[in-house]
Amino acid sequence: MATTTERLGIVETKVQNLDEKIDDLKIGVKDMHDCLDKTRDSLTEKLSTMYDASCSQHKSLAEEINALKSQRDKWLWTAAGAIAVMGWVSGHAETLIKFIS
């Protein structure tokens, strides 16, 4: 059986090995946190870029839709006016013919 001094030496060696492994783990955890921070920053930047692009696309589409609605309304009111005039003329055709002749 090992003497107390030998056993104490073995325990000290194991403690030193544990300290080295803990230091390695600390470095590994720090590296992992740095990597996660870089990834988060990169994702945040990309999401911000995508959000800005999305907003500009929505704005341009909204402007285009409003222009199309405006043009549609102009044509709709022009057609409605033309139909109203044709209806009035057809309803008063006899009077107009008498007036012209």
PDB file of N, CA and C in Angstrom:
ATOM      1  N   MET A   1       0.834  -1.167   0.000  1.00  0.00           N
ATOM      2  CA  MET A   1       0.000   0.000   0.000  1.00  0.00           C
ATOM      3  C   MET A   1       0.887   1.242   0.000  1.00  0.00           C
ATOM      4  N   ALA A   2       0.405   2.293  -0.677  1.00  0.00           N
ATOM      5  CA  ALA A   2       1.188   3.515  -0.825  1.00  0.00           C
ATOM      6  C   ALA A   2       1.225   4.277   0.485  1.00  0.00           C
ATOM      7  N   THR A   3       2.317   4.947   0.675  1.00  0.00           N
ATOM      8  CA  THR A   3       2.457   5.733   1.895  1.00  0.00           C
ATOM      9  C   THR A   3       1.637   7.011   1.754  1.00  0.00           C
ATOM     10  N   THR A   4       1.483   7.717   2.852  1.00  0.00           N
ATOM     11  CA  THR A   4       0.707   8.949   2.876  1.00  0.00           C
ATOM     12  C   THR A   4       1.321   9.989   1.957  1.00  0.00           C
ATOM     13  N   THR A   5       2.631  10.061   1.927  1.00  0.00           N
ATOM     14  CA  THR A   5       3.317  11.028   1.067  1.00  0.00           C
ATOM     15  C   THR A   5       3.051  10.711  -0.398  1.00  0.00           C
ATOM     16  N   GLU A   6       3.117   9.447  -0.766  1.00  0.00           N
ATOM     17  CA  GLU A   6       2.848   9.057  -2.148  1.00  0.00           C
ATOM     18  C   GLU A   6       1.397   9.355  -2.515  1.00  0.00           C
ATOM     19  N   ARG A   7       0.508   9.045  -1.588  1.00  0.00           N
ATOM     20  CA  ARG A   7      -0.912   9.302  -1.852  1.00  0.00           C
ATOM     21  C   ARG A   7      -1.169  10.798  -1.975  1.00  0.00           C
ATOM     22  N   LEU A   8      -0.503  11.572  -1.139  1.00  0.00           N
ATOM     23  CA  LEU A   8      -0.639  13.019  -1.207  1.00  0.00           C
ATOM     24  C   LEU A   8      -0.090  13.546  -2.536  1.00  0.00           C
ATOM     25  N   GLY A   9       0.994  13.004  -3.011  1.00  0.00           N
ATOM     26  CA  GLY A   9       1.570  13.383  -4.305  1.00  0.00           C
ATOM     27  C   GLY A   9       0.628  13.069  -5.444  1.00  0.00           C
ATOM     28  N   ILE A  10      -0.025  11.908  -5.363  1.00  0.00           N
ATOM     29  CA  ILE A  10      -0.993  11.516  -6.398  1.00  0.00           C
ATOM     30  C   ILE A  10      -2.178  12.480  -6.405  1.00  0.00           C
ATOM     31  N   VAL A  11      -2.650  12.811  -5.217  1.00  0.00           N
ATOM     32  CA  VAL A  11      -3.787  13.739  -5.108  1.00  0.00           C
ATOM     33  C   VAL A  11      -3.399  15.114  -5.657  1.00  0.00           C
ATOM     34  N   GLU A  12      -2.179  15.583  -5.331  1.00  0.00           N
ATOM     35  CA  GLU A  12      -1.726  16.879  -5.842  1.00  0.00           C
ATOM     36  C   GLU A  12      -1.645  16.858  -7.367  1.00  0.00           C
ATOM     37  N   THR A  13      -1.176  15.778  -7.936  1.00  0.00           N
ATOM     38  CA  THR A  13      -1.092  15.649  -9.393  1.00  0.00           C
ATOM     39  C   THR A  13      -2.487  15.691 -10.010  1.00  0.00           C
ATOM     40  N   LYS A  14      -3.422  14.999  -9.393  1.00  0.00           N
ATOM     41  CA  LYS A  14      -4.793  14.994  -9.901  1.00  0.00           C
ATOM     42  C   LYS A  14      -5.405  16.390  -9.805  1.00  0.00           C
ATOM     43  N   VAL A  15      -5.121  17.102  -8.725  1.00  0.00           N
ATOM     44  CA  VAL A  15      -5.645  18.467  -8.570  1.00  0.00           C
ATOM     45  C   VAL A  15      -5.060  19.370  -9.648  1.00  0.00           C
ATOM     46  N   GLN A  16      -3.766  19.238  -9.924  1.00  0.00           N
ATOM     47  CA  GLN A  16      -3.128  20.047 -10.970  1.00  0.00           C
ATOM     48  C   GLN A  16      -3.749  19.740 -12.337  1.00  0.00           C
ATOM     49  N   ASN A  17      -3.988  18.455 -12.591  1.00  0.00           N
ATOM     50  CA  ASN A  17      -4.631  18.063 -13.848  1.00  0.00           C
ATOM     51  C   ASN A  17      -6.037  18.658 -13.940  1.00  0.00           C
ATOM     52  N   LEU A  18      -6.760  18.622 -12.827  1.00  0.00           N
ATOM     53  CA  LEU A  18      -8.108  19.208 -12.808  1.00  0.00           C
ATOM     54  C   LEU A  18      -8.049  20.713 -13.048  1.00  0.00           C
ATOM     55  N   ASP A  19      -7.077  21.392 -12.448  1.00  0.00           N
ATOM     56  CA  ASP A  19      -6.923  22.834 -12.654  1.00  0.00           C
ATOM     57  C   ASP A  19      -6.657  23.146 -14.131  1.00  0.00           C
ATOM     58  N   GLU A  20      -5.796  22.350 -14.765  1.00  0.00           N
ATOM     59  CA  GLU A  20      -5.502  22.556 -16.180  1.00  0.00           C
ATOM     60  C   GLU A  20      -6.742  22.331 -17.038  1.00  0.00           C
ATOM     61  N   LYS A  21      -7.498  21.290 -16.704  1.00  0.00           N
ATOM     62  CA  LYS A  21      -8.711  21.006 -17.470  1.00  0.00           C
ATOM     63  C   LYS A  21      -9.750  22.105 -17.269  1.00  0.00           C
ATOM     64  N   ILE A  22      -9.857  22.624 -16.056  1.00  0.00           N
ATOM     65  CA  ILE A  22     -10.797  23.710 -15.790  1.00  0.00           C
ATOM     66  C   ILE A  22     -10.380  24.953 -16.573  1.00  0.00           C
ATOM     67  N   ASP A  23      -9.075  25.241 -16.617  1.00  0.00           N
ATOM     68  CA  ASP A  23      -8.586  26.381 -17.400  1.00  0.00           C
ATOM     69  C   ASP A  23      -8.910  26.202 -18.883  1.00  0.00           C
ATOM     70  N   ASP A  24      -8.718  24.972 -19.382  1.00  0.00           N
ATOM     71  CA  ASP A  24      -9.059  24.687 -20.778  1.00  0.00           C
ATOM     72  C   ASP A  24     -10.550  24.894 -21.028  1.00  0.00           C
ATOM     73  N   LEU A  25     -11.380  24.443 -20.086  1.00  0.00           N
ATOM     74  CA  LEU A  25     -12.826  24.623 -20.222  1.00  0.00           C
ATOM     75  C   LEU A  25     -13.204  26.101 -20.213  1.00  0.00           C
ATOM     76  N   LYS A  26     -12.544  26.883 -19.345  1.00  0.00           N
ATOM     77  CA  LYS A  26     -12.819  28.316 -19.305  1.00  0.00           C
ATOM     78  C   LYS A  26     -12.491  28.966 -20.641  1.00  0.00           C
ATOM     79  N   ILE A  27     -11.349  28.581 -21.212  1.00  0.00           N
ATOM     80  CA  ILE A  27     -10.954  29.133 -22.515  1.00  0.00           C
ATOM     81  C   ILE A  27     -11.961  28.701 -23.580  1.00  0.00           C
ATOM     82  N   GLY A  28     -12.352  27.433 -23.540  1.00  0.00           N
ATOM     83  CA  GLY A  28     -13.334  26.931 -24.514  1.00  0.00           C
ATOM     84  C   GLY A  28     -14.667  27.651 -24.400  1.00  0.00           C
ATOM     85  N   VAL A  29     -15.123  27.884 -23.173  1.00  0.00           N
ATOM     86  CA  VAL A  29     -16.386  28.593 -22.963  1.00  0.00           C
ATOM     87  C   VAL A  29     -16.273  30.032 -23.456  1.00  0.00           C
ATOM     88  N   LYS A  30     -15.133  30.674 -23.181  1.00  0.00           N
ATOM     89  CA  LYS A  30     -14.921  32.051 -23.639  1.00  0.00           C
ATOM     90  C   LYS A  30     -14.941  32.103 -25.166  1.00  0.00           C
ATOM     91  N   ASP A  31     -14.268  31.158 -25.816  1.00  0.00           N
ATOM     92  CA  ASP A  31     -14.265  31.112 -27.277  1.00  0.00           C
ATOM     93  C   ASP A  31     -15.680  30.903 -27.816  1.00  0.00           C
ATOM     94  N   MET A  32     -16.440  30.030 -27.157  1.00  0.00           N
ATOM     95  CA  MET A  32     -17.803  29.770 -27.592  1.00  0.00           C
ATOM     96  C   MET A  32     -18.660  31.037 -27.446  1.00  0.00           C
ATOM     97  N   HIS A  33     -18.504  31.763 -26.345  1.00  0.00           N
ATOM     98  CA  HIS A  33     -19.261  33.000 -26.150  1.00  0.00           C
ATOM     99  C   HIS A  33     -18.880  34.042 -27.200  1.00  0.00           C
ATOM    100  N   ASP A  34     -17.594  34.133 -27.517  1.00  0.00           N
ATOM    101  CA  ASP A  34     -17.156  35.067 -28.555  1.00  0.00           C
ATOM    102  C   ASP A  34     -17.784  34.709 -29.902  1.00  0.00           C
ATOM    103  N   CYS A  35     -17.795  33.425 -30.201  1.00  0.00           N
ATOM    104  CA  CYS A  35     -18.392  32.962 -31.455  1.00  0.00           C
ATOM    105  C   CYS A  35     -19.888  33.272 -31.482  1.00  0.00           C
ATOM    106  N   LEU A  36     -20.572  33.017 -30.378  1.00  0.00           N
ATOM    107  CA  LEU A  36     -22.005  33.306 -30.303  1.00  0.00           C
ATOM    108  C   LEU A  36     -22.283  34.801 -30.434  1.00  0.00           C
ATOM    109  N   ASP A  37     -21.420  35.625 -29.828  1.00  0.00           N
ATOM    110  CA  ASP A  37     -21.587  37.072 -29.946  1.00  0.00           C
ATOM    111  C   ASP A  37     -21.427  37.518 -31.402  1.00  0.00           C
ATOM    112  N   LYS A  38     -20.416  36.977 -32.090  1.00  0.00           N
ATOM    113  CA  LYS A  38     -20.203  37.329 -33.495  1.00  0.00           C
ATOM    114  C   LYS A  38     -21.392  36.883 -34.346  1.00  0.00           C
ATOM    115  N   THR A  39     -21.883  35.684 -34.074  1.00  0.00           N
ATOM    116  CA  THR A  39     -23.028  35.163 -34.823  1.00  0.00           C
ATOM    117  C   THR A  39     -24.257  36.037 -34.589  1.00  0.00           C
ATOM    118  N   ARG A  40     -24.494  36.412 -33.335  1.00  0.00           N
ATOM    119  CA  ARG A  40     -25.639  37.265 -33.010  1.00  0.00           C
ATOM    120  C   ARG A  40     -25.529  38.606 -33.725  1.00  0.00           C
ATOM    121  N   ASP A  41     -24.344  39.205 -33.685  1.00  0.00           N
ATOM    122  CA  ASP A  41     -24.149  40.496 -34.343  1.00  0.00           C
ATOM    123  C   ASP A  41     -24.367  40.386 -35.851  1.00  0.00           C
ATOM    124  N   SER A  42     -23.858  39.304 -36.436  1.00  0.00           N
ATOM    125  CA  SER A  42     -24.019  39.092 -37.871  1.00  0.00           C
ATOM    126  C   SER A  42     -25.490  38.904 -38.233  1.00  0.00           C
ATOM    127  N   LEU A  43     -26.203  38.103 -37.452  1.00  0.00           N
ATOM    128  CA  LEU A  43     -27.624  37.881 -37.708  1.00  0.00           C
ATOM    129  C   LEU A  43     -28.431  39.164 -37.529  1.00  0.00           C
ATOM    130  N   THR A  44     -28.091  39.934 -36.511  1.00  0.00           N
ATOM    131  CA  THR A  44     -28.793  41.195 -36.278  1.00  0.00           C
ATOM    132  C   THR A  44     -28.590  42.141 -37.457  1.00  0.00           C
ATOM    133  N   GLU A  45     -27.373  42.196 -37.962  1.00  0.00           N
ATOM    134  CA  GLU A  45     -27.078  43.056 -39.112  1.00  0.00           C
ATOM    135  C   GLU A  45     -27.844  42.602 -40.348  1.00  0.00           C
ATOM    136  N   LYS A  46     -27.838  41.287 -40.598  1.00  0.00           N
ATOM    137  CA  LYS A  46     -28.553  40.764 -41.766  1.00  0.00           C
ATOM    138  C   LYS A  46     -30.057  40.998 -41.637  1.00  0.00           C
ATOM    139  N   LEU A  47     -30.618  40.773 -40.445  1.00  0.00           N
ATOM    140  CA  LEU A  47     -32.045  41.012 -40.247  1.00  0.00           C
ATOM    141  C   LEU A  47     -32.391  42.486 -40.434  1.00  0.00           C
ATOM    142  N   SER A  48     -31.530  43.351 -39.982  1.00  0.00           N
ATOM    143  CA  SER A  48     -31.754  44.783 -40.170  1.00  0.00           C
ATOM    144  C   SER A  48     -31.745  45.137 -41.652  1.00  0.00           C
ATOM    145  N   THR A  49     -30.796  44.577 -42.389  1.00  0.00           N
ATOM    146  CA  THR A  49     -30.728  44.814 -43.834  1.00  0.00           C
ATOM    147  C   THR A  49     -31.979  44.283 -44.527  1.00  0.00           C
ATOM    148  N   MET A  50     -32.396  43.087 -44.147  1.00  0.00           N
ATOM    149  CA  MET A  50     -33.593  42.501 -44.748  1.00  0.00           C
ATOM    150  C   MET A  50     -34.835  43.325 -44.405  1.00  0.00           C
ATOM    151  N   TYR A  51     -34.916  43.836 -43.170  1.00  0.00           N
ATOM    152  CA  TYR A  51     -36.049  44.654 -42.757  1.00  0.00           C
ATOM    153  C   TYR A  51     -36.105  45.941 -43.578  1.00  0.00           C
ATOM    154  N   ASP A  52     -34.950  46.584 -43.755  1.00  0.00           N
ATOM    155  CA  ASP A  52     -34.907  47.815 -44.550  1.00  0.00           C
ATOM    156  C   ASP A  52     -35.332  47.548 -45.993  1.00  0.00           C
ATOM    157  N   ALA A  53     -34.849  46.451 -46.559  1.00  0.00           N
ATOM    158  CA  ALA A  53     -35.220  46.092 -47.929  1.00  0.00           C
ATOM    159  C   ALA A  53     -36.709  45.817 -48.022  1.00  0.00           C
ATOM    160  N   SER A  54     -37.243  45.115 -47.036  1.00  0.00           N
ATOM    161  CA  SER A  54     -38.671  44.799 -47.018  1.00  0.00           C
ATOM    162  C   SER A  54     -39.506  46.073 -46.932  1.00  0.00           C
ATOM    163  N   CYS A  55     -39.087  46.999 -46.081  1.00  0.00           N
ATOM    164  CA  CYS A  55     -39.829  48.265 -45.938  1.00  0.00           C
ATOM    165  C   CYS A  55     -39.820  49.058 -47.237  1.00  0.00           C
ATOM    166  N   SER A  56     -38.673  49.115 -47.903  1.00  0.00           N
ATOM    167  CA  SER A  56     -38.609  49.869 -49.163  1.00  0.00           C
ATOM    168  C   SER A  56     -39.455  49.196 -50.248  1.00  0.00           C
ATOM    169  N   GLN A  57     -39.467  47.865 -50.269  1.00  0.00           N
ATOM    170  CA  GLN A  57     -40.295  47.151 -51.241  1.00  0.00           C
ATOM    171  C   GLN A  57     -41.775  47.392 -50.962  1.00  0.00           C
ATOM    172  N   HIS A  58     -42.162  47.343 -49.695  1.00  0.00           N
ATOM    173  CA  HIS A  58     -43.566  47.586 -49.353  1.00  0.00           C
ATOM    174  C   HIS A  58     -43.974  49.016 -49.712  1.00  0.00           C
ATOM    175  N   LYS A  59     -43.076  49.958 -49.488  1.00  0.00           N
ATOM    176  CA  LYS A  59     -43.375  51.349 -49.806  1.00  0.00           C
ATOM    177  C   LYS A  59     -43.573  51.528 -51.304  1.00  0.00           C
ATOM    178  N   SER A  60     -42.667  50.961 -52.101  1.00  0.00           N
ATOM    179  CA  SER A  60     -42.790  51.112 -53.558  1.00  0.00           C
ATOM    180  C   SER A  60     -44.037  50.401 -54.080  1.00  0.00           C
ATOM    181  N   LEU A  61     -44.355  49.229 -53.516  1.00  0.00           N
ATOM    182  CA  LEU A  61     -45.572  48.529 -53.940  1.00  0.00           C
ATOM    183  C   LEU A  61     -46.825  49.303 -53.552  1.00  0.00           C
ATOM    184  N   ALA A  62     -46.818  49.913 -52.371  1.00  0.00           N
ATOM    185  CA  ALA A  62     -47.972  50.705 -51.938  1.00  0.00           C
ATOM    186  C   ALA A  62     -48.164  51.904 -52.859  1.00  0.00           C
ATOM    187  N   GLU A  63     -47.061  52.553 -53.249  1.00  0.00           N
ATOM    188  CA  GLU A  63     -47.165  53.678 -54.176  1.00  0.00           C
ATOM    189  C   GLU A  63     -47.708  53.230 -55.525  1.00  0.00           C
ATOM    190  N   GLU A  64     -47.236  52.082 -56.004  1.00  0.00           N
ATOM    191  CA  GLU A  64     -47.706  51.565 -57.292  1.00  0.00           C
ATOM    192  C   GLU A  64     -49.187  51.214 -57.224  1.00  0.00           C
ATOM    193  N   ILE A  65     -49.605  50.592 -56.143  1.00  0.00           N
ATOM    194  CA  ILE A  65     -51.018  50.225 -55.977  1.00  0.00           C
ATOM    195  C   ILE A  65     -51.881  51.480 -55.919  1.00  0.00           C
ATOM    196  N   ASN A  66     -51.425  52.511 -55.196  1.00  0.00           N
ATOM    197  CA  ASN A  66     -52.192  53.760 -55.124  1.00  0.00           C
ATOM    198  C   ASN A  66     -52.301  54.424 -56.484  1.00  0.00           C
ATOM    199  N   ALA A  67     -51.222  54.380 -57.273  1.00  0.00           N
ATOM    200  CA  ALA A  67     -51.271  54.952 -58.624  1.00  0.00           C
ATOM    201  C   ALA A  67     -52.265  54.187 -59.498  1.00  0.00           C
ATOM    202  N   LEU A  68     -52.252  52.858 -59.393  1.00  0.00           N
ATOM    203  CA  LEU A  68     -53.200  52.052 -60.175  1.00  0.00           C
ATOM    204  C   LEU A  68     -54.639  52.312 -59.743  1.00  0.00           C
ATOM    205  N   LYS A  69     -54.872  52.461 -58.439  1.00  0.00           N
ATOM    206  CA  LYS A  69     -56.223  52.761 -57.955  1.00  0.00           C
ATOM    207  C   LYS A  69     -56.688  54.116 -58.457  1.00  0.00           C
ATOM    208  N   SER A  70     -55.794  55.079 -58.454  1.00  0.00           N
ATOM    209  CA  SER A  70     -56.137  56.419 -58.939  1.00  0.00           C
ATOM    210  C   SER A  70     -56.501  56.377 -60.417  1.00  0.00           C
ATOM    211  N   GLN A  71     -55.708  55.673 -61.198  1.00  0.00           N
ATOM    212  CA  GLN A  71     -55.994  55.542 -62.629  1.00  0.00           C
ATOM    213  C   GLN A  71     -57.308  54.803 -62.854  1.00  0.00           C
ATOM    214  N   ARG A  72     -57.549  53.745 -62.077  1.00  0.00           N
ATOM    215  CA  ARG A  72     -58.802  52.994 -62.200  1.00  0.00           C
ATOM    216  C   ARG A  72     -59.997  53.886 -61.872  1.00  0.00           C
ATOM    217  N   ASP A  73     -59.864  54.696 -60.825  1.00  0.00           N
ATOM    218  CA  ASP A  73     -60.969  55.578 -60.440  1.00  0.00           C
ATOM    219  C   ASP A  73     -61.263  56.599 -61.537  1.00  0.00           C
ATOM    220  N   LYS A  74     -60.216  57.141 -62.180  1.00  0.00           N
ATOM    221  CA  LYS A  74     -60.428  58.094 -63.267  1.00  0.00           C
ATOM    222  C   LYS A  74     -61.199  57.454 -64.412  1.00  0.00           C
ATOM    223  N   TRP A  75     -60.782  56.232 -64.803  1.00  0.00           N
ATOM    224  CA  TRP A  75     -61.476  55.526 -65.882  1.00  0.00           C
ATOM    225  C   TRP A  75     -62.902  55.161 -65.483  1.00  0.00           C
ATOM    226  N   LEU A  76     -63.084  54.782 -64.238  1.00  0.00           N
ATOM    227  CA  LEU A  76     -64.417  54.408 -63.757  1.00  0.00           C
ATOM    228  C   LEU A  76     -65.366  55.600 -63.825  1.00  0.00           C
ATOM    229  N   TRP A  77     -64.908  56.761 -63.343  1.00  0.00           N
ATOM    230  CA  TRP A  77     -65.764  57.943 -63.367  1.00  0.00           C
ATOM    231  C   TRP A  77     -65.989  58.441 -64.798  1.00  0.00           C
ATOM    232  N   THR A  78     -64.998  58.307 -65.660  1.00  0.00           N
ATOM    233  CA  THR A  78     -65.172  58.690 -67.065  1.00  0.00           C
ATOM    234  C   THR A  78     -66.207  57.785 -67.727  1.00  0.00           C
ATOM    235  N   ALA A  79     -66.105  56.475 -67.492  1.00  0.00           N
ATOM    236  CA  ALA A  79     -67.072  55.534 -68.063  1.00  0.00           C
ATOM    237  C   ALA A  79     -68.460  55.777 -67.491  1.00  0.00           C
ATOM    238  N   ALA A  80     -68.544  56.038 -66.191  1.00  0.00           N
ATOM    239  CA  ALA A  80     -69.857  56.298 -65.581  1.00  0.00           C
ATOM    240  C   ALA A  80     -70.465  57.572 -66.162  1.00  0.00           C
ATOM    241  N   GLY A  81     -69.652  58.599 -66.369  1.00  0.00           N
ATOM    242  CA  GLY A  81     -70.143  59.838 -66.978  1.00  0.00           C
ATOM    243  C   GLY A  81     -70.614  59.611 -68.396  1.00  0.00           C
ATOM    244  N   ALA A  82     -69.847  58.838 -69.165  1.00  0.00           N
ATOM    245  CA  ALA A  82     -70.235  58.539 -70.549  1.00  0.00           C
ATOM    246  C   ALA A  82     -71.548  57.770 -70.587  1.00  0.00           C
ATOM    247  N   ILE A  83     -71.710  56.812 -69.697  1.00  0.00           N
ATOM    248  CA  ILE A  83     -72.955  56.027 -69.646  1.00  0.00           C
ATOM    249  C   ILE A  83     -74.124  56.936 -69.265  1.00  0.00           C
ATOM    250  N   ALA A  84     -73.889  57.854 -68.316  1.00  0.00           N
ATOM    251  CA  ALA A  84     -74.957  58.769 -67.900  1.00  0.00           C
ATOM    252  C   ALA A  84     -75.359  59.682 -69.054  1.00  0.00           C
ATOM    253  N   VAL A  85     -74.365  60.190 -69.796  1.00  0.00           N
ATOM    254  CA  VAL A  85     -74.669  61.060 -70.942  1.00  0.00           C
ATOM    255  C   VAL A  85     -75.423  60.285 -72.006  1.00  0.00           C
ATOM    256  N   MET A  86     -74.995  59.052 -72.300  1.00  0.00           N
ATOM    257  CA  MET A  86     -75.688  58.229 -73.299  1.00  0.00           C
ATOM    258  C   MET A  86     -77.112  57.930 -72.850  1.00  0.00           C
ATOM    259  N   GLY A  87     -77.291  57.697 -71.542  1.00  0.00           N
ATOM    260  CA  GLY A  87     -78.651  57.466 -71.036  1.00  0.00           C
ATOM    261  C   GLY A  87     -79.529  58.701 -71.164  1.00  0.00           C
ATOM    262  N   TRP A  88     -78.953  59.858 -70.854  1.00  0.00           N
ATOM    263  CA  TRP A  88     -79.743  61.091 -70.953  1.00  0.00           C
ATOM    264  C   TRP A  88     -80.097  61.384 -72.407  1.00  0.00           C
ATOM    265  N   VAL A  89     -79.100  61.167 -73.312  1.00  0.00           N
ATOM    266  CA  VAL A  89     -79.346  61.410 -74.730  1.00  0.00           C
ATOM    267  C   VAL A  89     -80.399  60.453 -75.256  1.00  0.00           C
ATOM    268  N   SER A  90     -80.328  59.187 -74.875  1.00  0.00           N
ATOM    269  CA  SER A  90     -81.314  58.226 -75.380  1.00  0.00           C
ATOM    270  C   SER A  90     -82.694  58.514 -74.794  1.00  0.00           C
ATOM    271  N   GLY A  91     -82.736  59.036 -73.582  1.00  0.00           N
ATOM    272  CA  GLY A  91     -84.035  59.365 -72.981  1.00  0.00           C
ATOM    273  C   GLY A  91     -84.654  60.619 -73.573  1.00  0.00           C
ATOM    274  N   HIS A  92     -83.840  61.487 -74.094  1.00  0.00           N
ATOM    275  CA  HIS A  92     -84.336  62.744 -74.666  1.00  0.00           C
ATOM    276  C   HIS A  92     -84.067  62.817 -76.160  1.00  0.00           C
ATOM    277  N   ALA A  93     -83.969  61.682 -76.807  1.00  0.00           N
ATOM    278  CA  ALA A  93     -83.641  61.628 -78.228  1.00  0.00           C
ATOM    279  C   ALA A  93     -84.686  62.353 -79.070  1.00  0.00           C
ATOM    280  N   GLU A  94     -85.960  62.150 -78.773  1.00  0.00           N
ATOM    281  CA  GLU A  94     -87.022  62.783 -79.566  1.00  0.00           C
ATOM    282  C   GLU A  94     -86.935  64.303 -79.465  1.00  0.00           C
ATOM    283  N   THR A  95     -86.697  64.806 -78.263  1.00  0.00           N
ATOM    284  CA  THR A  95     -86.595  66.251 -78.070  1.00  0.00           C
ATOM    285  C   THR A  95     -85.369  66.793 -78.790  1.00  0.00           C
ATOM    286  N   LEU A  96     -84.266  66.082 -78.719  1.00  0.00           N
ATOM    287  CA  LEU A  96     -83.052  66.515 -79.387  1.00  0.00           C
ATOM    288  C   LEU A  96     -83.207  66.511 -80.909  1.00  0.00           C
ATOM    289  N   ILE A  97     -83.874  65.491 -81.448  1.00  0.00           N
ATOM    290  CA  ILE A  97     -84.081  65.407 -82.889  1.00  0.00           C
ATOM    291  C   ILE A  97     -84.967  66.578 -83.349  1.00  0.00           C
ATOM    292  N   LYS A  98     -86.007  66.882 -82.576  1.00  0.00           N
ATOM    293  CA  LYS A  98     -86.875  68.013 -82.912  1.00  0.00           C
ATOM    294  C   LYS A  98     -86.081  69.307 -82.838  1.00  0.00           C
ATOM    295  N   PHE A  99     -85.208  69.444 -81.853  1.00  0.00           N
ATOM    296  CA  PHE A  99     -84.435  70.639 -81.652  1.00  0.00           C
ATOM    297  C   PHE A  99     -83.418  70.864 -82.765  1.00  0.00           C
ATOM    298  N   ILE A 100     -82.818  69.739 -83.250  1.00  0.00           N
ATOM    299  CA  ILE A 100     -81.797  69.802 -84.302  1.00  0.00           C
ATOM    300  C   ILE A 100     -82.464  70.054 -85.659  1.00  0.00           C
ATOM    301  N   SER A 101     -83.636  69.474 -85.889  1.00  0.00           N
ATOM    302  CA  SER A 101     -84.263  69.584 -87.213  1.00  0.00           C
ATOM    303  C   SER A 101     -84.972  70.860 -87.395  1.00  0.00           C
TER     304      SER A 101
END
